[in-house]
Amino acid sequence: MTERSAFLASVKDFARETVAPAAALWSQGRAPDAGVFLAAAKLGLFGIELPVHAGGLGLDFKHKAAACRILAAADFGFAMAVVNTHNVALRLFLSAPDLANGHLAALLSGETCACTALTEPDAGTDAAAMRTRASETDDGWVLNGEKTWIVNGRRAGLAIVFAKCGDSDDHRSIGAFLVDLTAPGVERHAIDSAFAQTSTGTGGFTMRDVRLARGNLILPPGKAFRSILSEINGARAYVAAMCCGMLEAAVATVAAHGHRRFSFGKPLMEHQAWRLALAQAGTDLDASAALTDKAIAAIPGDHSVQRLAAQAKIHAVQTCQQHLPGLLHAMGAEGLRPEHCLARHLAAVQSAALTDGAQTPLLERVSKLSFPSQPALED
């Protein structure tokens, strides 16, 4: 077994033995214990793409996406929480090595969670509509604004916050800042919904005259917005992988139930009509996984990866939304028990549909990339 194969095998063991049993309680509102993040750190999950000399594993995006898929098969929210801390660690290493020296150890060890704060009450997919403002001072910056629906927002110690710099409202004025969420002027709050948000750590925060050193600007205006456009392609690809992981786990759970449960003198699996929903879900899962793998292989890629990543997320989300209710029905009331993954995955895919670009704007993006406007032909 290669080192890379061993890593993914260890992630599978961790997801099965630690994450899945705990997820039954998370789905009912219990917050994850700090120990589960420390255990994830021991596997290197917060440093998959960081080089070995920086404390990471030195693996590539493909392995990060594979790990996300494995974790999401157990619990989507936990997978999102882990990958968001990982992404902050990676961004600090790449863009702000001086700041990274003071924070990487805590991030990679799982002692500190982190988040990327882009979404606002009036700005989601349209990032250029954000209102959070960074005003330059003689010795640094002052931030004012609000961020909402942030993964890890309720527990993160650090955040990469996107804000408009100066007085401009142009998207080219957006910069990215490293913010200590325990600093004076920051007020955090948890966000809950009809679907438990505890493993995702969903929350928001307001910033009132939060003072930052000049060096806390880690991505200057212009470069920050380009970073958003680039990194969101990767996010859409690994969210698609997570959806594939959730559906794969649901199919396996229902199939196992079909072998155990008897009806009219024989296992459910021997009833042809019962098997059809399972067969169709498996067929569509394979198609979605193939498209997702194609998008993952194209990361970081050129302009064409925008379309692939968007298509992969659209298809994976729709496939989950189509088949998870039917799989739950095939398992009957037993499938509602929290120790099974079906109910929490059915809830989670609704969050996945809204993460890193909602379905309708993504479909519009695909239409523009696939069928660009052509000038009218002259007579």
Foldseek 3Di string as FASTA:
>chain_A
DDPLVVLLVVLLVLLVPPQQVVQLVLQVPDADDLVSLLVCLVSQLLADCPDVVLPHDNHDLVSNLSSLLSNLLRPNLLSLQSVFLSVVLVLCVVQPVVVNVVPVVCSSSSVFTEWEFQAAPPDDLNSLQAAWEWEADPFATWIWDKTFFIQLQQGGQKYFYWHFYDDDSGQLRIFTFIDGCVAPQKDKDFDQDPGRNRSRNGIMITGDRGTDGRSRRRGGRNRVSVVLLQVLLSVLLSLLSSLLSNLVSLLVVLVVQQQVDDDPHHGNCPDVVLCPLSVVLVVLSVVLVVLSVVLSVCPSHDPVSLLSSLVSNLSSLVSSQVRLVVSCVSNPPVCVNSSGSSVNSNVVSVVSCRPSDHNVVSVVVNCCVVPPDDDDDDD
